[in-house]
Amino acid sequence: MSEETIGYTQALEELKAILVELEDTTVDVDLLADRVARADELLILCRNRLEAAEIQVQRIIVEKDNN
């Protein structure tokens, strides 16, 4: 799934699944690096989505205040 089509909720669910994997003491070291890298990508995606939503909400508030 491309980063453009994955939603915030999907990214968050994938992050939770990765966390469960990482908490497993038998996780494969080769897999560990890949999962941590994926988690980093997902965290950036979530942060960007939250920042975009915040900007949109602020615009709406400003528009309402100006009317």
PDB file of N, CA and C in Angstrom:
ATOM      1  N   MET A   1       0.855  -1.171   0.000  1.00  0.00           N
ATOM      2  CA  MET A   1       0.000   0.000   0.000  1.00  0.00           C
ATOM      3  C   MET A   1       0.900   1.233   0.000  1.00  0.00           C
ATOM      4  N   SER A   2       0.613   2.158  -0.886  1.00  0.00           N
ATOM      5  CA  SER A   2       1.461   3.344  -0.957  1.00  0.00           C
ATOM      6  C   SER A   2       1.154   4.287   0.197  1.00  0.00           C
ATOM      7  N   GLU A   3       2.133   5.124   0.513  1.00  0.00           N
ATOM      8  CA  GLU A   3       1.981   6.060   1.613  1.00  0.00           C
ATOM      9  C   GLU A   3       0.842   7.049   1.357  1.00  0.00           C
ATOM     10  N   GLU A   4       0.535   7.301   0.087  1.00  0.00           N
ATOM     11  CA  GLU A   4      -0.511   8.258  -0.239  1.00  0.00           C
ATOM     12  C   GLU A   4      -1.901   7.687   0.004  1.00  0.00           C
ATOM     13  N   THR A   5      -2.030   6.370  -0.023  1.00  0.00           N
ATOM     14  CA  THR A   5      -3.355   5.773   0.136  1.00  0.00           C
ATOM     15  C   THR A   5      -3.610   5.242   1.544  1.00  0.00           C
ATOM     16  N   ILE A   6      -2.575   5.097   2.321  1.00  0.00           N
ATOM     17  CA  ILE A   6      -2.768   4.602   3.687  1.00  0.00           C
ATOM     18  C   ILE A   6      -3.287   5.749   4.560  1.00  0.00           C
ATOM     19  N   GLY A   7      -4.305   5.454   5.321  1.00  0.00           N
ATOM     20  CA  GLY A   7      -4.889   6.462   6.190  1.00  0.00           C
ATOM     21  C   GLY A   7      -4.228   6.482   7.554  1.00  0.00           C
ATOM     22  N   TYR A   8      -4.545   7.512   8.318  1.00  0.00           N
ATOM     23  CA  TYR A   8      -3.987   7.669   9.656  1.00  0.00           C
ATOM     24  C   TYR A   8      -4.323   6.453  10.519  1.00  0.00           C
ATOM     25  N   THR A   9      -5.572   6.039  10.479  1.00  0.00           N
ATOM     26  CA  THR A   9      -6.001   4.914  11.308  1.00  0.00           C
ATOM     27  C   THR A   9      -5.277   3.634  10.917  1.00  0.00           C
ATOM     28  N   GLN A  10      -5.112   3.419   9.600  1.00  0.00           N
ATOM     29  CA  GLN A  10      -4.383   2.237   9.139  1.00  0.00           C
ATOM     30  C   GLN A  10      -2.933   2.288   9.594  1.00  0.00           C
ATOM     31  N   ALA A  11      -2.325   3.457   9.490  1.00  0.00           N
ATOM     32  CA  ALA A  11      -0.933   3.614   9.916  1.00  0.00           C
ATOM     33  C   ALA A  11      -0.802   3.342  11.402  1.00  0.00           C
ATOM     34  N   LEU A  12      -1.736   3.849  12.179  1.00  0.00           N
ATOM     35  CA  LEU A  12      -1.713   3.641  13.624  1.00  0.00           C
ATOM     36  C   LEU A  12      -1.869   2.159  13.966  1.00  0.00           C
ATOM     37  N   GLU A  13      -2.758   1.477  13.264  1.00  0.00           N
ATOM     38  CA  GLU A  13      -2.941   0.043  13.500  1.00  0.00           C
ATOM     39  C   GLU A  13      -1.674  -0.740  13.144  1.00  0.00           C
ATOM     40  N   GLU A  14      -1.033  -0.340  12.057  1.00  0.00           N
ATOM     41  CA  GLU A  14       0.214  -1.017  11.676  1.00  0.00           C
ATOM     42  C   GLU A  14       1.297  -0.756  12.715  1.00  0.00           C
ATOM     43  N   LEU A  15       1.340   0.459  13.232  1.00  0.00           N
ATOM     44  CA  LEU A  15       2.305   0.774  14.293  1.00  0.00           C
ATOM     45  C   LEU A  15       2.067  -0.091  15.527  1.00  0.00           C
ATOM     46  N   LYS A  16       0.806  -0.276  15.884  1.00  0.00           N
ATOM     47  CA  LYS A  16       0.485  -1.123  17.038  1.00  0.00           C
ATOM     48  C   LYS A  16       0.944  -2.562  16.793  1.00  0.00           C
ATOM     49  N   ALA A  17       0.734  -3.051  15.576  1.00  0.00           N
ATOM     50  CA  ALA A  17       1.158  -4.417  15.244  1.00  0.00           C
ATOM     51  C   ALA A  17       2.676  -4.541  15.309  1.00  0.00           C
ATOM     52  N   ILE A  18       3.369  -3.535  14.828  1.00  0.00           N
ATOM     53  CA  ILE A  18       4.833  -3.548  14.885  1.00  0.00           C
ATOM     54  C   ILE A  18       5.293  -3.549  16.339  1.00  0.00           C
ATOM     55  N   LEU A  19       4.639  -2.770  17.179  1.00  0.00           N
ATOM     56  CA  LEU A  19       4.994  -2.730  18.595  1.00  0.00           C
ATOM     57  C   LEU A  19       4.854  -4.109  19.229  1.00  0.00           C
ATOM     58  N   VAL A  20       3.784  -4.804  18.909  1.00  0.00           N
ATOM     59  CA  VAL A  20       3.592  -6.158  19.438  1.00  0.00           C
ATOM     60  C   VAL A  20       4.736  -7.071  18.979  1.00  0.00           C
ATOM     61  N   GLU A  21       5.103  -6.945  17.687  1.00  0.00           N
ATOM     62  CA  GLU A  21       6.217  -7.746  17.172  1.00  0.00           C
ATOM     63  C   GLU A  21       7.512  -7.434  17.917  1.00  0.00           C
ATOM     64  N   LEU A  22       7.764  -6.143  18.134  1.00  0.00           N
ATOM     65  CA  LEU A  22       9.016  -5.729  18.770  1.00  0.00           C
ATOM     66  C   LEU A  22       9.078  -6.125  20.239  1.00  0.00           C
ATOM     67  N   GLU A  23       7.929  -6.257  20.865  1.00  0.00           N
ATOM     68  CA  GLU A  23       7.895  -6.668  22.268  1.00  0.00           C
ATOM     69  C   GLU A  23       8.172  -8.160  22.428  1.00  0.00           C
ATOM     70  N   ASP A  24       8.053  -8.911  21.341  1.00  0.00           N
ATOM     71  CA  ASP A  24       8.329 -10.345  21.362  1.00  0.00           C
ATOM     72  C   ASP A  24       9.843 -10.543  21.480  1.00  0.00           C
ATOM     73  N   THR A  25      10.271 -11.207  22.508  1.00  0.00           N
ATOM     74  CA  THR A  25      11.708 -11.381  22.750  1.00  0.00           C
ATOM     75  C   THR A  25      12.376 -12.306  21.740  1.00  0.00           C
ATOM     76  N   THR A  26      11.590 -12.991  20.921  1.00  0.00           N
ATOM     77  CA  THR A  26      12.166 -13.896  19.934  1.00  0.00           C
ATOM     78  C   THR A  26      12.198 -13.295  18.535  1.00  0.00           C
ATOM     79  N   VAL A  27      12.001 -11.985  18.430  1.00  0.00           N
ATOM     80  CA  VAL A  27      11.981 -11.339  17.113  1.00  0.00           C
ATOM     81  C   VAL A  27      13.330 -11.508  16.421  1.00  0.00           C
ATOM     82  N   ASP A  28      13.272 -11.821  15.141  1.00  0.00           N
ATOM     83  CA  ASP A  28      14.471 -12.011  14.314  1.00  0.00           C
ATOM     84  C   ASP A  28      15.186 -10.663  14.164  1.00  0.00           C
ATOM     85  N   VAL A  29      16.489 -10.638  14.381  1.00  0.00           N
ATOM     86  CA  VAL A  29      17.270  -9.404  14.322  1.00  0.00           C
ATOM     87  C   VAL A  29      17.182  -8.770  12.938  1.00  0.00           C
ATOM     88  N   ASP A  30      17.189  -9.574  11.882  1.00  0.00           N
ATOM     89  CA  ASP A  30      17.067  -9.030  10.528  1.00  0.00           C
ATOM     90  C   ASP A  30      15.711  -8.349  10.336  1.00  0.00           C
ATOM     91  N   LEU A  31      14.679  -8.948  10.876  1.00  0.00           N
ATOM     92  CA  LEU A  31      13.345  -8.380  10.803  1.00  0.00           C
ATOM     93  C   LEU A  31      13.244  -7.129  11.669  1.00  0.00           C
ATOM     94  N   LEU A  32      13.927  -7.128  12.770  1.00  0.00           N
ATOM     95  CA  LEU A  32      13.885  -6.011  13.709  1.00  0.00           C
ATOM     96  C   LEU A  32      14.241  -4.688  13.031  1.00  0.00           C
ATOM     97  N   ALA A  33      15.325  -4.657  12.305  1.00  0.00           N
ATOM     98  CA  ALA A  33      15.743  -3.421  11.636  1.00  0.00           C
ATOM     99  C   ALA A  33      14.695  -2.962  10.634  1.00  0.00           C
ATOM    100  N   ASP A  34      14.127  -3.890   9.880  1.00  0.00           N
ATOM    101  CA  ASP A  34      13.091  -3.534   8.904  1.00  0.00           C
ATOM    102  C   ASP A  34      11.849  -2.983   9.585  1.00  0.00           C
ATOM    103  N   ARG A  35      11.455  -3.598  10.682  1.00  0.00           N
ATOM    104  CA  ARG A  35      10.233  -3.165  11.387  1.00  0.00           C
ATOM    105  C   ARG A  35      10.429  -1.789  12.019  1.00  0.00           C
ATOM    106  N   VAL A  36      11.616  -1.549  12.561  1.00  0.00           N
ATOM    107  CA  VAL A  36      11.899  -0.235  13.148  1.00  0.00           C
ATOM    108  C   VAL A  36      11.887   0.839  12.061  1.00  0.00           C
ATOM    109  N   ALA A  37      12.454   0.529  10.907  1.00  0.00           N
ATOM    110  CA  ALA A  37      12.446   1.477   9.786  1.00  0.00           C
ATOM    111  C   ALA A  37      11.017   1.755   9.331  1.00  0.00           C
ATOM    112  N   ARG A  38      10.200   0.727   9.252  1.00  0.00           N
ATOM    113  CA  ARG A  38       8.798   0.910   8.849  1.00  0.00           C
ATOM    114  C   ARG A  38       8.053   1.739   9.888  1.00  0.00           C
ATOM    115  N   ALA A  39       8.305   1.476  11.149  1.00  0.00           N
ATOM    116  CA  ALA A  39       7.660   2.248  12.212  1.00  0.00           C
ATOM    117  C   ALA A  39       8.027   3.725  12.096  1.00  0.00           C
ATOM    118  N   ASP A  40       9.270   4.009  11.766  1.00  0.00           N
ATOM    119  CA  ASP A  40       9.706   5.391  11.586  1.00  0.00           C
ATOM    120  C   ASP A  40       8.931   6.048  10.448  1.00  0.00           C
ATOM    121  N   GLU A  41       8.772   5.348   9.328  1.00  0.00           N
ATOM    122  CA  GLU A  41       7.999   5.876   8.201  1.00  0.00           C
ATOM    123  C   GLU A  41       6.562   6.168   8.614  1.00  0.00           C
ATOM    124  N   LEU A  42       5.972   5.252   9.356  1.00  0.00           N
ATOM    125  CA  LEU A  42       4.587   5.417   9.781  1.00  0.00           C
ATOM    126  C   LEU A  42       4.436   6.575  10.765  1.00  0.00           C
ATOM    127  N   LEU A  43       5.400   6.730  11.653  1.00  0.00           N
ATOM    128  CA  LEU A  43       5.354   7.849  12.599  1.00  0.00           C
ATOM    129  C   LEU A  43       5.416   9.189  11.865  1.00  0.00           C
ATOM    130  N   ILE A  44       6.257   9.271  10.859  1.00  0.00           N
ATOM    131  CA  ILE A  44       6.350  10.496  10.061  1.00  0.00           C
ATOM    132  C   ILE A  44       5.022  10.756   9.344  1.00  0.00           C
ATOM    133  N   LEU A  45       4.454   9.705   8.764  1.00  0.00           N
ATOM    134  CA  LEU A  45       3.163   9.843   8.083  1.00  0.00           C
ATOM    135  C   LEU A  45       2.097  10.345   9.049  1.00  0.00           C
ATOM    136  N   CYS A  46       2.012   9.731  10.226  1.00  0.00           N
ATOM    137  CA  CYS A  46       1.009  10.143  11.217  1.00  0.00           C
ATOM    138  C   CYS A  46       1.230  11.582  11.655  1.00  0.00           C
ATOM    139  N   ARG A  47       2.464  11.941  11.902  1.00  0.00           N
ATOM    140  CA  ARG A  47       2.778  13.316  12.321  1.00  0.00           C
ATOM    141  C   ARG A  47       2.358  14.306  11.228  1.00  0.00           C
ATOM    142  N   ASN A  48       2.651  13.986   9.983  1.00  0.00           N
ATOM    143  CA  ASN A  48       2.279  14.867   8.875  1.00  0.00           C
ATOM    144  C   ASN A  48       0.765  14.995   8.745  1.00  0.00           C
ATOM    145  N   ARG A  49       0.059  13.891   8.920  1.00  0.00           N
ATOM    146  CA  ARG A  49      -1.411  13.929   8.846  1.00  0.00           C
ATOM    147  C   ARG A  49      -1.986  14.773   9.979  1.00  0.00           C
ATOM    148  N   LEU A  50      -1.430  14.630  11.177  1.00  0.00           N
ATOM    149  CA  LEU A  50      -1.913  15.420  12.307  1.00  0.00           C
ATOM    150  C   LEU A  50      -1.635  16.911  12.109  1.00  0.00           C
ATOM    151  N   GLU A  51      -0.455  17.234  11.606  1.00  0.00           N
ATOM    152  CA  GLU A  51      -0.122  18.638  11.354  1.00  0.00           C
ATOM    153  C   GLU A  51      -1.021  19.226  10.280  1.00  0.00           C
ATOM    154  N   ALA A  52      -1.317  18.462   9.241  1.00  0.00           N
ATOM    155  CA  ALA A  52      -2.207  18.936   8.182  1.00  0.00           C
ATOM    156  C   ALA A  52      -3.615  19.159   8.722  1.00  0.00           C
ATOM    157  N   ALA A  53      -4.074  18.263   9.568  1.00  0.00           N
ATOM    158  CA  ALA A  53      -5.401  18.417  10.165  1.00  0.00           C
ATOM    159  C   ALA A  53      -5.444  19.645  11.067  1.00  0.00           C
ATOM    160  N   GLU A  54      -4.385  19.877  11.819  1.00  0.00           N
ATOM    161  CA  GLU A  54      -4.329  21.045  12.693  1.00  0.00           C
ATOM    162  C   GLU A  54      -4.398  22.338  11.878  1.00  0.00           C
ATOM    163  N   ILE A  55      -3.669  22.394  10.780  1.00  0.00           N
ATOM    164  CA  ILE A  55      -3.691  23.579   9.916  1.00  0.00           C
ATOM    165  C   ILE A  55      -5.093  23.793   9.358  1.00  0.00           C
ATOM    166  N   GLN A  56      -5.730  22.726   8.937  1.00  0.00           N
ATOM    167  CA  GLN A  56      -7.077  22.832   8.382  1.00  0.00           C
ATOM    168  C   GLN A  56      -8.068  23.336   9.439  1.00  0.00           C
ATOM    169  N   VAL A  57      -7.971  22.821  10.640  1.00  0.00           N
ATOM    170  CA  VAL A  57      -8.859  23.266  11.723  1.00  0.00           C
ATOM    171  C   VAL A  57      -8.608  24.736  12.040  1.00  0.00           C
ATOM    172  N   GLN A  58      -7.351  25.143  12.076  1.00  0.00           N
ATOM    173  CA  GLN A  58      -7.030  26.541  12.348  1.00  0.00           C
ATOM    174  C   GLN A  58      -7.604  27.455  11.270  1.00  0.00           C
ATOM    175  N   ARG A  59      -7.538  27.036  10.009  1.00  0.00           N
ATOM    176  CA  ARG A  59      -8.117  27.827   8.913  1.00  0.00           C
ATOM    177  C   ARG A  59      -9.619  27.983   9.094  1.00  0.00           C
ATOM    178  N   ILE A  60     -10.277  26.902   9.455  1.00  0.00           N
ATOM    179  CA  ILE A  60     -11.727  26.943   9.659  1.00  0.00           C
ATOM    180  C   ILE A  60     -12.070  27.900  10.790  1.00  0.00           C
ATOM    181  N   ILE A  61     -11.306  27.836  11.868  1.00  0.00           N
ATOM    182  CA  ILE A  61     -11.556  28.726  13.008  1.00  0.00           C
ATOM    183  C   ILE A  61     -11.374  30.181  12.604  1.00  0.00           C
ATOM    184  N   VAL A  62     -10.318  30.472  11.850  1.00  0.00           N
ATOM    185  CA  VAL A  62     -10.070  31.843  11.395  1.00  0.00           C
ATOM    186  C   VAL A  62     -11.205  32.306  10.497  1.00  0.00           C
ATOM    187  N   GLU A  63     -11.643  31.447   9.585  1.00  0.00           N
ATOM    188  CA  GLU A  63     -12.732  31.814   8.691  1.00  0.00           C
ATOM    189  C   GLU A  63     -14.006  32.086   9.479  1.00  0.00           C
ATOM    190  N   LYS A  64     -14.298  31.280  10.468  1.00  0.00           N
ATOM    191  CA  LYS A  64     -15.499  31.481  11.293  1.00  0.00           C
ATOM    192  C   LYS A  64     -15.395  32.781  12.087  1.00  0.00           C
ATOM    193  N   ASP A  65     -14.200  33.092  12.585  1.00  0.00           N
ATOM    194  CA  ASP A  65     -14.002  34.324  13.346  1.00  0.00           C
ATOM    195  C   ASP A  65     -14.146  35.560  12.466  1.00  0.00           C
ATOM    196  N   ASN A  66     -13.804  35.425  11.182  1.00  0.00           N
ATOM    197  CA  ASN A  66     -13.883  36.559  10.247  1.00  0.00           C
ATOM    198  C   ASN A  66     -15.301  36.762   9.723  1.00  0.00           C
ATOM    199  N   ASN A  67     -16.194  35.848   9.931  1.00  0.00           N
ATOM    200  CA  ASN A  67     -17.576  35.986   9.443  1.00  0.00           C
ATOM    201  C   ASN A  67     -18.487  36.544  10.468  1.00  0.00           C
TER     202      ASN A  67
END
